[in-house]
Structures are given as C-alpha cells and as structure tokens.
Amino acid sequence: MSKFYEFVNKVIKIEGGYVNDPKDSGGETNWGITIAVARAFGYNGPMRDMTRQQAAEIYKARFWDSMRLDDVAAISPQIALELFDSGVNVGTQRAGEWFQTCLNAFNQEGAWYRDITVDGRIGPMTIAAFRDYMTRRVRNHGERVMLRALNALQGAFYIDLSQRRQKDERFVYGWILNRVEIA
C-alpha cells in the first residue's frame, strides 16, 4: 500500500490552508498548492475554494508519482517522506538533484555503483543506486546518514536563498524549523 496517503497529511499539516502573502514568491496557495501548479493541473476555481482532496490529487500526480516515491518508499519510507516534502517546498527537480548528489557522494568512488547523472529525475538508475546504497549501509545507519545529508543540503539552500533574496529572510526560520528533519 502506498505511503502517499499517510504522508500527504503530514505535508498538508505543515503547509496549512489558504495563504496569499504578497512577499511569498510562491504567490497565492491553498493546502500548499500554488496557483500556477493548480492551474497546470486543471483547477480553475478560486484558490480559497480548493478542497483538501483536490490538493491531495495534485500532490499525488505532481510530486509523489513524478518522483517515483512508491519505489523509494519500498526501500525507505523515511527517505520518501523527506523527498516528498522537499519536492513540495523547493521543487521536485532540486529534491531529486540533492538525492542523486548524495548517492554519488556515498558510492565509495564508484566501487558500489556507478555515479548517476544528477538531472533531478528519479528514474530506474537512481532507484537502483539507492537500493545498493541501503543494502550496503543497512547495518551502518544508512538511512540516518542519507536523511542528514539531504537535510544539510536543504538547510544550506534556505540560508543561501535568504542571502540572494532578502525578502525570503522572513521565511527561512520557519522553513528550517518545519522542513529540515521532517522525516
């Protein structure tokens, strides 16, 4: 059974309901779904009226399925949750790149598995590399180390973003509080 239905509730709890903060680069959102993403997935009503169920359907297609998180969750539900939450907050491309970067850093100079292309798309090669990583590190805190590495990249991204876009300084504290170490 997919972990999506359990995990979407955690993400929606963090995201909250309707928000239209003019200083938020994401613009108008409801349940964490931006107006741009809602429109791309066929929702044309007022954002304030989007139901939680409609948001969940968008989350499933846009974030969960696109990152193959059922495959990731079969290996590690915690990593799937981390990637899901990161994908929602910073984009699936960036979350996938962080995951691939970490996998490459942990492959023992290619001895365990070859470096994978860091393109942000979690496909069969990324899943295979993750399976190899977890198999080799199962007794040696592999999941914990992967979570810490992903969180380190995420936290550094938020700090860097606040330096590049001063208006994001008002959000960085909450992002780190609520997003780093979600799993």
N, C-alpha and C. Protein backbone atom coordinates (compact mmCIF):
# COMPACT_ATOMS: atom_id res chain seq x y z
N MET A 1 0.84 -1.19 0.00
CA MET A 1 0.00 0.00 0.00
C MET A 1 0.88 1.24 0.00
N SER A 2 0.53 2.21 -0.79
CA SER A 2 1.31 3.44 -0.91
C SER A 2 1.33 4.22 0.40
N LYS A 3 2.49 4.75 0.73
CA LYS A 3 2.62 5.60 1.90
C LYS A 3 2.11 7.01 1.63
N PHE A 4 1.75 7.28 0.38
CA PHE A 4 1.33 8.63 -0.01
C PHE A 4 0.24 9.17 0.90
N TYR A 5 -0.79 8.37 1.14
CA TYR A 5 -1.97 8.86 1.86
C TYR A 5 -1.64 9.23 3.31
N GLU A 6 -0.69 8.54 3.89
CA GLU A 6 -0.22 8.90 5.23
C GLU A 6 0.63 10.17 5.17
N PHE A 7 1.51 10.23 4.19
CA PHE A 7 2.47 11.33 4.12
C PHE A 7 1.86 12.63 3.63
N VAL A 8 0.85 12.58 2.77
CA VAL A 8 0.25 13.82 2.29
C VAL A 8 -0.38 14.59 3.44
N ASN A 9 -0.91 13.89 4.42
CA ASN A 9 -1.48 14.57 5.59
C ASN A 9 -0.41 15.31 6.38
N LYS A 10 0.78 14.74 6.48
CA LYS A 10 1.88 15.42 7.18
C LYS A 10 2.28 16.69 6.44
N VAL A 11 2.39 16.60 5.11
CA VAL A 11 2.79 17.76 4.32
C VAL A 11 1.72 18.85 4.37
N ILE A 12 0.46 18.47 4.23
CA ILE A 12 -0.62 19.46 4.28
C ILE A 12 -0.68 20.13 5.65
N LYS A 13 -0.40 19.38 6.70
CA LYS A 13 -0.39 19.98 8.04
C LYS A 13 0.67 21.08 8.13
N ILE A 14 1.83 20.85 7.55
CA ILE A 14 2.89 21.86 7.55
C ILE A 14 2.49 23.04 6.67
N GLU A 15 1.95 22.75 5.50
CA GLU A 15 1.60 23.79 4.53
C GLU A 15 0.45 24.67 5.01
N GLY A 16 -0.53 24.08 5.68
CA GLY A 16 -1.67 24.85 6.14
C GLY A 16 -2.68 25.08 5.03
N GLY A 17 -3.58 26.00 5.28
CA GLY A 17 -4.67 26.29 4.35
C GLY A 17 -4.33 27.43 3.41
N TYR A 18 -5.31 28.26 3.17
CA TYR A 18 -5.21 29.34 2.19
C TYR A 18 -4.25 30.43 2.67
N VAL A 19 -3.35 30.84 1.77
CA VAL A 19 -2.40 31.93 2.04
C VAL A 19 -2.25 32.75 0.77
N ASN A 20 -2.23 34.06 0.95
CA ASN A 20 -1.95 34.96 -0.18
C ASN A 20 -1.04 36.07 0.33
N ASP A 21 0.19 35.71 0.63
CA ASP A 21 1.18 36.64 1.16
C ASP A 21 1.93 37.27 -0.01
N PRO A 22 1.83 38.58 -0.20
CA PRO A 22 2.48 39.22 -1.34
C PRO A 22 4.01 39.07 -1.34
N LYS A 23 4.60 38.77 -0.18
CA LYS A 23 6.05 38.60 -0.13
C LYS A 23 6.50 37.17 -0.40
N ASP A 24 5.56 36.25 -0.54
CA ASP A 24 5.89 34.86 -0.81
C ASP A 24 6.02 34.67 -2.32
N SER A 25 7.19 34.21 -2.74
CA SER A 25 7.45 34.01 -4.17
C SER A 25 6.50 32.99 -4.79
N GLY A 26 5.96 32.10 -3.97
CA GLY A 26 5.02 31.09 -4.48
C GLY A 26 3.67 31.67 -4.84
N GLY A 27 3.40 32.88 -4.37
CA GLY A 27 2.12 33.51 -4.66
C GLY A 27 0.99 32.87 -3.88
N GLU A 28 -0.21 33.03 -4.38
CA GLU A 28 -1.41 32.52 -3.73
C GLU A 28 -1.36 30.99 -3.68
N THR A 29 -1.64 30.43 -2.49
CA THR A 29 -1.62 28.98 -2.32
C THR A 29 -2.80 28.54 -1.45
N ASN A 30 -3.14 27.28 -1.59
CA ASN A 30 -4.06 26.64 -0.67
C ASN A 30 -3.61 25.20 -0.48
N TRP A 31 -3.52 24.79 0.78
CA TRP A 31 -3.01 23.46 1.14
C TRP A 31 -1.58 23.27 0.63
N GLY A 32 -0.88 24.36 0.36
CA GLY A 32 0.48 24.29 -0.15
C GLY A 32 0.58 24.21 -1.66
N ILE A 33 -0.52 24.18 -2.35
CA ILE A 33 -0.53 24.13 -3.82
C ILE A 33 -0.57 25.56 -4.33
N THR A 34 0.43 25.93 -5.13
CA THR A 34 0.46 27.28 -5.69
C THR A 34 -0.58 27.41 -6.79
N ILE A 35 -0.95 28.63 -7.07
CA ILE A 35 -1.94 28.86 -8.12
C ILE A 35 -1.42 28.36 -9.47
N ALA A 36 -0.12 28.53 -9.73
CA ALA A 36 0.46 28.07 -11.00
C ALA A 36 0.35 26.55 -11.14
N VAL A 37 0.66 25.83 -10.07
CA VAL A 37 0.57 24.37 -10.11
C VAL A 37 -0.89 23.94 -10.23
N ALA A 38 -1.79 24.60 -9.49
CA ALA A 38 -3.21 24.26 -9.56
C ALA A 38 -3.73 24.43 -10.98
N ARG A 39 -3.39 25.54 -11.62
CA ARG A 39 -3.86 25.78 -12.98
C ARG A 39 -3.27 24.76 -13.95
N ALA A 40 -2.01 24.41 -13.77
CA ALA A 40 -1.37 23.42 -14.64
C ALA A 40 -2.05 22.06 -14.53
N PHE A 41 -2.68 21.79 -13.40
CA PHE A 41 -3.36 20.51 -13.20
C PHE A 41 -4.87 20.63 -13.36
N GLY A 42 -5.31 21.72 -13.97
CA GLY A 42 -6.71 21.83 -14.36
C GLY A 42 -7.65 22.43 -13.34
N TYR A 43 -7.14 22.88 -12.20
CA TYR A 43 -8.03 23.54 -11.24
C TYR A 43 -8.15 25.00 -11.63
N ASN A 44 -9.38 25.45 -11.90
CA ASN A 44 -9.59 26.82 -12.37
C ASN A 44 -10.42 27.67 -11.43
N GLY A 45 -10.83 27.13 -10.32
CA GLY A 45 -11.65 27.88 -9.38
C GLY A 45 -10.80 28.82 -8.52
N PRO A 46 -11.46 29.55 -7.65
CA PRO A 46 -10.72 30.39 -6.70
C PRO A 46 -9.86 29.51 -5.80
N MET A 47 -8.64 29.93 -5.55
CA MET A 47 -7.73 29.13 -4.73
C MET A 47 -8.30 28.89 -3.34
N ARG A 48 -8.98 29.86 -2.81
CA ARG A 48 -9.57 29.74 -1.47
C ARG A 48 -10.55 28.56 -1.40
N ASP A 49 -11.15 28.19 -2.54
CA ASP A 49 -12.17 27.14 -2.57
C ASP A 49 -11.61 25.75 -2.89
N MET A 50 -10.33 25.64 -3.18
CA MET A 50 -9.76 24.33 -3.47
C MET A 50 -9.91 23.43 -2.25
N THR A 51 -10.43 22.23 -2.48
CA THR A 51 -10.60 21.30 -1.36
C THR A 51 -9.29 20.59 -1.04
N ARG A 52 -9.25 20.05 0.14
CA ARG A 52 -8.09 19.26 0.56
C ARG A 52 -7.91 18.06 -0.37
N GLN A 53 -9.01 17.44 -0.77
CA GLN A 53 -8.95 16.29 -1.67
C GLN A 53 -8.39 16.69 -3.04
N GLN A 54 -8.79 17.83 -3.56
CA GLN A 54 -8.23 18.30 -4.84
C GLN A 54 -6.73 18.54 -4.71
N ALA A 55 -6.34 19.12 -3.59
CA ALA A 55 -4.91 19.35 -3.36
C ALA A 55 -4.17 18.02 -3.28
N ALA A 56 -4.73 17.04 -2.60
CA ALA A 56 -4.08 15.73 -2.47
C ALA A 56 -3.90 15.07 -3.84
N GLU A 57 -4.89 15.21 -4.71
CA GLU A 57 -4.78 14.64 -6.06
C GLU A 57 -3.65 15.30 -6.84
N ILE A 58 -3.50 16.60 -6.68
CA ILE A 58 -2.39 17.30 -7.34
C ILE A 58 -1.06 16.86 -6.73
N TYR A 59 -1.00 16.76 -5.41
CA TYR A 59 0.23 16.29 -4.76
C TYR A 59 0.64 14.92 -5.29
N LYS A 60 -0.33 14.03 -5.44
CA LYS A 60 -0.03 12.67 -5.90
C LYS A 60 0.59 12.69 -7.29
N ALA A 61 -0.03 13.39 -8.21
CA ALA A 61 0.47 13.41 -9.58
C ALA A 61 1.74 14.24 -9.73
N ARG A 62 1.74 15.44 -9.18
CA ARG A 62 2.83 16.39 -9.43
C ARG A 62 4.08 16.10 -8.63
N PHE A 63 3.92 15.60 -7.43
CA PHE A 63 5.08 15.44 -6.55
C PHE A 63 5.39 13.97 -6.27
N TRP A 64 4.43 13.20 -5.81
CA TRP A 64 4.69 11.82 -5.41
C TRP A 64 5.02 10.93 -6.61
N ASP A 65 4.10 10.84 -7.55
CA ASP A 65 4.30 9.94 -8.70
C ASP A 65 5.45 10.39 -9.59
N SER A 66 5.60 11.69 -9.77
CA SER A 66 6.67 12.18 -10.66
C SER A 66 8.06 11.86 -10.13
N MET A 67 8.18 11.69 -8.80
CA MET A 67 9.48 11.36 -8.21
C MET A 67 9.60 9.86 -7.89
N ARG A 68 8.62 9.07 -8.34
CA ARG A 68 8.65 7.61 -8.12
C ARG A 68 8.80 7.27 -6.64
N LEU A 69 8.05 7.96 -5.82
CA LEU A 69 8.23 7.80 -4.38
C LEU A 69 7.65 6.50 -3.83
N ASP A 70 6.77 5.83 -4.56
CA ASP A 70 6.39 4.48 -4.13
C ASP A 70 7.60 3.56 -4.18
N ASP A 71 8.43 3.71 -5.22
CA ASP A 71 9.65 2.90 -5.34
C ASP A 71 10.64 3.24 -4.23
N VAL A 72 10.79 4.53 -3.95
CA VAL A 72 11.70 4.95 -2.86
C VAL A 72 11.17 4.44 -1.53
N ALA A 73 9.86 4.57 -1.29
CA ALA A 73 9.26 4.15 -0.01
C ALA A 73 9.39 2.65 0.20
N ALA A 74 9.42 1.87 -0.87
CA ALA A 74 9.60 0.42 -0.72
C ALA A 74 10.97 0.11 -0.12
N ILE A 75 11.92 1.00 -0.31
CA ILE A 75 13.27 0.85 0.24
C ILE A 75 13.37 1.55 1.58
N SER A 76 12.84 2.78 1.66
CA SER A 76 12.89 3.57 2.89
C SER A 76 11.74 4.58 2.91
N PRO A 77 10.72 4.33 3.70
CA PRO A 77 9.63 5.30 3.80
C PRO A 77 10.10 6.67 4.28
N GLN A 78 11.07 6.70 5.16
CA GLN A 78 11.56 7.98 5.69
C GLN A 78 12.20 8.83 4.60
N ILE A 79 12.96 8.21 3.73
CA ILE A 79 13.58 8.97 2.63
C ILE A 79 12.50 9.44 1.66
N ALA A 80 11.49 8.60 1.42
CA ALA A 80 10.39 9.01 0.54
C ALA A 80 9.69 10.24 1.11
N LEU A 81 9.42 10.24 2.41
CA LEU A 81 8.78 11.40 3.04
C LEU A 81 9.65 12.64 2.91
N GLU A 82 10.93 12.49 3.16
CA GLU A 82 11.86 13.62 3.05
C GLU A 82 11.86 14.20 1.63
N LEU A 83 11.94 13.32 0.64
CA LEU A 83 11.96 13.79 -0.76
C LEU A 83 10.62 14.41 -1.14
N PHE A 84 9.54 13.86 -0.67
CA PHE A 84 8.21 14.40 -0.95
C PHE A 84 8.09 15.81 -0.40
N ASP A 85 8.42 15.99 0.88
CA ASP A 85 8.32 17.30 1.49
C ASP A 85 9.26 18.30 0.82
N SER A 86 10.47 17.88 0.53
CA SER A 86 11.42 18.78 -0.14
C SER A 86 10.92 19.14 -1.52
N GLY A 87 10.41 18.15 -2.26
CA GLY A 87 9.88 18.42 -3.59
C GLY A 87 8.76 19.43 -3.58
N VAL A 88 7.90 19.34 -2.57
CA VAL A 88 6.80 20.30 -2.44
C VAL A 88 7.34 21.69 -2.17
N ASN A 89 8.33 21.80 -1.32
CA ASN A 89 8.80 23.12 -0.89
C ASN A 89 9.80 23.76 -1.83
N VAL A 90 10.67 22.98 -2.45
CA VAL A 90 11.72 23.57 -3.29
C VAL A 90 11.68 23.08 -4.73
N GLY A 91 10.77 22.20 -5.04
CA GLY A 91 10.63 21.67 -6.39
C GLY A 91 11.21 20.27 -6.51
N THR A 92 10.56 19.46 -7.33
CA THR A 92 10.98 18.07 -7.49
C THR A 92 12.35 17.96 -8.15
N GLN A 93 12.65 18.87 -9.04
CA GLN A 93 13.96 18.87 -9.71
C GLN A 93 15.09 18.99 -8.69
N ARG A 94 14.99 19.99 -7.85
CA ARG A 94 16.05 20.24 -6.85
C ARG A 94 16.12 19.09 -5.85
N ALA A 95 14.98 18.61 -5.36
CA ALA A 95 14.98 17.49 -4.41
C ALA A 95 15.63 16.26 -5.03
N GLY A 96 15.32 15.99 -6.29
CA GLY A 96 15.94 14.86 -6.99
C GLY A 96 17.43 15.04 -7.15
N GLU A 97 17.85 16.26 -7.46
CA GLU A 97 19.29 16.54 -7.60
C GLU A 97 20.01 16.32 -6.28
N TRP A 98 19.42 16.76 -5.18
CA TRP A 98 20.05 16.54 -3.87
C TRP A 98 20.21 15.05 -3.60
N PHE A 99 19.18 14.28 -3.88
CA PHE A 99 19.20 12.83 -3.67
C PHE A 99 20.31 12.19 -4.51
N GLN A 100 20.37 12.53 -5.77
CA GLN A 100 21.38 11.97 -6.66
C GLN A 100 22.79 12.40 -6.25
N THR A 101 22.94 13.63 -5.84
CA THR A 101 24.24 14.13 -5.38
C THR A 101 24.71 13.32 -4.17
N CYS A 102 23.81 13.08 -3.23
CA CYS A 102 24.16 12.30 -2.04
C CYS A 102 24.51 10.86 -2.41
N LEU A 103 23.71 10.27 -3.29
CA LEU A 103 24.01 8.89 -3.71
C LEU A 103 25.40 8.81 -4.33
N ASN A 104 25.75 9.78 -5.15
CA ASN A 104 27.09 9.78 -5.77
C ASN A 104 28.19 9.96 -4.72
N ALA A 105 27.91 10.79 -3.72
CA ALA A 105 28.92 11.02 -2.68
C ALA A 105 29.14 9.77 -1.83
N PHE A 106 28.15 8.89 -1.77
CA PHE A 106 28.22 7.73 -0.89
C PHE A 106 28.54 6.42 -1.63
N ASN A 107 28.97 6.48 -2.88
CA ASN A 107 29.16 5.24 -3.64
C ASN A 107 30.57 4.67 -3.58
N GLN A 108 31.37 5.13 -2.65
CA GLN A 108 32.73 4.62 -2.47
C GLN A 108 33.54 4.71 -3.77
N GLU A 109 33.53 5.94 -4.32
CA GLU A 109 34.27 6.23 -5.56
C GLU A 109 33.87 5.32 -6.71
N GLY A 110 32.60 4.96 -6.75
CA GLY A 110 32.08 4.13 -7.82
C GLY A 110 32.25 2.64 -7.61
N ALA A 111 32.81 2.22 -6.49
CA ALA A 111 33.03 0.80 -6.23
C ALA A 111 31.71 0.06 -5.97
N TRP A 112 30.73 0.72 -5.36
CA TRP A 112 29.47 0.07 -5.04
C TRP A 112 28.47 0.14 -6.20
N TYR A 113 28.43 1.28 -6.83
CA TYR A 113 27.58 1.50 -8.00
C TYR A 113 28.14 2.72 -8.70
N ARG A 114 27.90 2.78 -10.01
CA ARG A 114 28.43 3.90 -10.79
C ARG A 114 27.73 5.19 -10.43
N ASP A 115 28.45 6.30 -10.60
CA ASP A 115 27.81 7.60 -10.44
C ASP A 115 26.60 7.67 -11.36
N ILE A 116 25.56 8.30 -10.86
CA ILE A 116 24.36 8.51 -11.67
C ILE A 116 24.34 9.97 -12.11
N THR A 117 23.70 10.22 -13.21
CA THR A 117 23.56 11.58 -13.71
C THR A 117 22.72 12.39 -12.74
N VAL A 118 23.21 13.55 -12.38
CA VAL A 118 22.47 14.45 -11.48
C VAL A 118 21.61 15.35 -12.35
N ASP A 119 20.41 14.85 -12.65
CA ASP A 119 19.48 15.58 -13.51
C ASP A 119 18.15 15.88 -12.80
N GLY A 120 18.02 15.42 -11.56
CA GLY A 120 16.81 15.68 -10.80
C GLY A 120 15.68 14.72 -11.08
N ARG A 121 15.83 13.86 -12.07
CA ARG A 121 14.76 12.90 -12.40
C ARG A 121 15.08 11.57 -11.72
N ILE A 122 14.21 11.19 -10.81
CA ILE A 122 14.40 9.93 -10.10
C ILE A 122 13.83 8.82 -10.97
N GLY A 123 14.74 8.12 -11.61
CA GLY A 123 14.35 7.04 -12.51
C GLY A 123 14.96 5.72 -12.06
N PRO A 124 14.96 4.74 -12.95
CA PRO A 124 15.45 3.40 -12.58
C PRO A 124 16.89 3.38 -12.08
N MET A 125 17.76 4.19 -12.65
CA MET A 125 19.16 4.20 -12.21
C MET A 125 19.29 4.77 -10.79
N THR A 126 18.55 5.82 -10.51
CA THR A 126 18.57 6.40 -9.16
C THR A 126 18.01 5.41 -8.15
N ILE A 127 16.91 4.75 -8.48
CA ILE A 127 16.31 3.76 -7.58
C ILE A 127 17.28 2.61 -7.35
N ALA A 128 17.93 2.13 -8.40
CA ALA A 128 18.90 1.03 -8.26
C ALA A 128 20.08 1.45 -7.38
N ALA A 129 20.57 2.66 -7.58
CA ALA A 129 21.68 3.15 -6.76
C ALA A 129 21.25 3.25 -5.30
N PHE A 130 20.04 3.73 -5.07
CA PHE A 130 19.55 3.85 -3.69
C PHE A 130 19.41 2.46 -3.05
N ARG A 131 18.89 1.52 -3.80
CA ARG A 131 18.77 0.15 -3.27
C ARG A 131 20.15 -0.40 -2.90
N ASP A 132 21.14 -0.20 -3.77
CA ASP A 132 22.50 -0.65 -3.48
C ASP A 132 23.06 0.04 -2.24
N TYR A 133 22.87 1.33 -2.18
CA TYR A 133 23.34 2.09 -1.02
C TYR A 133 22.74 1.54 0.27
N MET A 134 21.42 1.39 0.30
CA MET A 134 20.76 0.94 1.52
C MET A 134 21.13 -0.50 1.86
N THR A 135 21.31 -1.35 0.87
CA THR A 135 21.72 -2.73 1.13
C THR A 135 23.08 -2.77 1.80
N ARG A 136 23.99 -1.94 1.33
CA ARG A 136 25.35 -1.93 1.87
C ARG A 136 25.44 -1.20 3.22
N ARG A 137 24.53 -0.27 3.46
CA ARG A 137 24.60 0.54 4.67
C ARG A 137 23.52 0.21 5.70
N VAL A 138 22.78 -0.86 5.48
CA VAL A 138 21.65 -1.16 6.36
C VAL A 138 22.06 -1.30 7.82
N ARG A 139 23.21 -1.85 8.08
CA ARG A 139 23.66 -2.02 9.47
C ARG A 139 24.50 -0.84 9.96
N ASN A 140 24.70 0.11 9.11
CA ASN A 140 25.63 1.20 9.44
C ASN A 140 24.95 2.56 9.32
N HIS A 141 23.72 2.66 9.75
CA HIS A 141 23.00 3.93 9.82
C HIS A 141 22.78 4.61 8.45
N GLY A 142 22.64 3.82 7.41
CA GLY A 142 22.50 4.38 6.06
C GLY A 142 21.34 5.34 5.90
N GLU A 143 20.21 4.97 6.45
CA GLU A 143 19.04 5.85 6.32
C GLU A 143 19.28 7.16 7.07
N ARG A 144 19.80 7.08 8.28
CA ARG A 144 20.05 8.28 9.07
C ARG A 144 21.05 9.20 8.37
N VAL A 145 22.10 8.63 7.82
CA VAL A 145 23.11 9.44 7.14
C VAL A 145 22.52 10.10 5.89
N MET A 146 21.72 9.36 5.14
CA MET A 146 21.09 9.95 3.95
C MET A 146 20.16 11.09 4.36
N LEU A 147 19.37 10.90 5.40
CA LEU A 147 18.48 11.97 5.86
C LEU A 147 19.28 13.20 6.28
N ARG A 148 20.36 12.99 7.01
CA ARG A 148 21.18 14.13 7.44
C ARG A 148 21.79 14.85 6.24
N ALA A 149 22.25 14.10 5.27
CA ALA A 149 22.86 14.72 4.08
C ALA A 149 21.82 15.52 3.31
N LEU A 150 20.64 14.95 3.12
CA LEU A 150 19.57 15.68 2.42
C LEU A 150 19.18 16.94 3.19
N ASN A 151 19.08 16.82 4.50
CA ASN A 151 18.74 17.98 5.31
C ASN A 151 19.83 19.04 5.30
N ALA A 152 21.09 18.62 5.25
CA ALA A 152 22.18 19.59 5.19
C ALA A 152 22.09 20.41 3.90
N LEU A 153 21.82 19.73 2.78
CA LEU A 153 21.68 20.45 1.50
C LEU A 153 20.46 21.36 1.53
N GLN A 154 19.39 20.89 2.12
CA GLN A 154 18.17 21.69 2.19
C GLN A 154 18.38 22.94 3.05
N GLY A 155 18.97 22.77 4.21
CA GLY A 155 19.22 23.92 5.08
C GLY A 155 20.15 24.93 4.44
N ALA A 156 21.20 24.44 3.79
CA ALA A 156 22.13 25.35 3.11
C ALA A 156 21.41 26.11 1.99
N PHE A 157 20.49 25.43 1.29
CA PHE A 157 19.72 26.08 0.24
C PHE A 157 18.89 27.24 0.80
N TYR A 158 18.22 27.01 1.92
CA TYR A 158 17.39 28.05 2.52
C TYR A 158 18.21 29.26 2.95
N ILE A 159 19.34 29.00 3.58
CA ILE A 159 20.22 30.10 4.00
C ILE A 159 20.71 30.87 2.78
N ASP A 160 21.16 30.14 1.76
CA ASP A 160 21.63 30.79 0.53
C ASP A 160 20.51 31.61 -0.11
N LEU A 161 19.31 31.05 -0.15
CA LEU A 161 18.18 31.76 -0.75
C LEU A 161 17.91 33.07 -0.01
N SER A 162 18.00 33.04 1.31
CA SER A 162 17.76 34.26 2.08
C SER A 162 18.83 35.31 1.82
N GLN A 163 20.02 34.88 1.44
CA GLN A 163 21.09 35.83 1.11
C GLN A 163 20.89 36.42 -0.28
N ARG A 164 20.35 35.62 -1.20
CA ARG A 164 20.12 36.09 -2.56
C ARG A 164 18.85 36.93 -2.68
N ARG A 165 17.84 36.60 -1.90
CA ARG A 165 16.55 37.29 -1.95
C ARG A 165 16.19 37.70 -0.54
N GLN A 166 16.54 38.91 -0.18
CA GLN A 166 16.36 39.38 1.19
C GLN A 166 14.93 39.19 1.69
N LYS A 167 13.95 39.31 0.81
CA LYS A 167 12.55 39.16 1.24
C LYS A 167 12.27 37.77 1.81
N ASP A 168 13.11 36.78 1.46
CA ASP A 168 12.92 35.42 1.98
C ASP A 168 13.46 35.23 3.38
N GLU A 169 14.15 36.23 3.91
CA GLU A 169 14.64 36.12 5.28
C GLU A 169 13.48 35.91 6.26
N ARG A 170 12.33 36.46 5.95
CA ARG A 170 11.19 36.32 6.86
C ARG A 170 10.66 34.89 6.90
N PHE A 171 11.02 34.06 5.91
CA PHE A 171 10.52 32.69 5.84
C PHE A 171 11.55 31.64 6.27
N VAL A 172 12.84 31.97 6.22
CA VAL A 172 13.88 30.97 6.39
C VAL A 172 13.83 30.29 7.76
N TYR A 173 13.54 31.02 8.80
CA TYR A 173 13.46 30.42 10.14
C TYR A 173 12.39 29.32 10.16
N GLY A 174 11.22 29.63 9.66
CA GLY A 174 10.13 28.65 9.62
C GLY A 174 10.43 27.47 8.71
N TRP A 175 11.07 27.75 7.58
CA TRP A 175 11.44 26.64 6.69
C TRP A 175 12.35 25.66 7.41
N ILE A 176 13.35 26.18 8.10
CA ILE A 176 14.28 25.29 8.79
C ILE A 176 13.58 24.60 9.97
N LEU A 177 12.75 25.32 10.69
CA LEU A 177 12.02 24.74 11.80
C LEU A 177 11.09 23.61 11.34
N ASN A 178 10.34 23.86 10.27
CA ASN A 178 9.29 22.94 9.85
C ASN A 178 9.67 21.97 8.74
N ARG A 179 10.74 22.25 8.00
CA ARG A 179 11.04 21.45 6.83
C ARG A 179 12.30 20.61 6.97
N VAL A 180 13.28 21.09 7.67
CA VAL A 180 14.52 20.35 7.83
C VAL A 180 14.28 19.32 8.93
N GLU A 181 14.49 18.06 8.64
CA GLU A 181 14.25 16.91 9.51
C GLU A 181 12.78 16.59 9.64
N ILE A 182 12.04 16.65 8.56
CA ILE A 182 10.62 16.27 8.62
C ILE A 182 10.46 14.78 8.87
N ALA A 183 11.33 13.98 8.32
CA ALA A 183 11.15 12.51 8.41
C ALA A 183 11.34 11.98 9.81
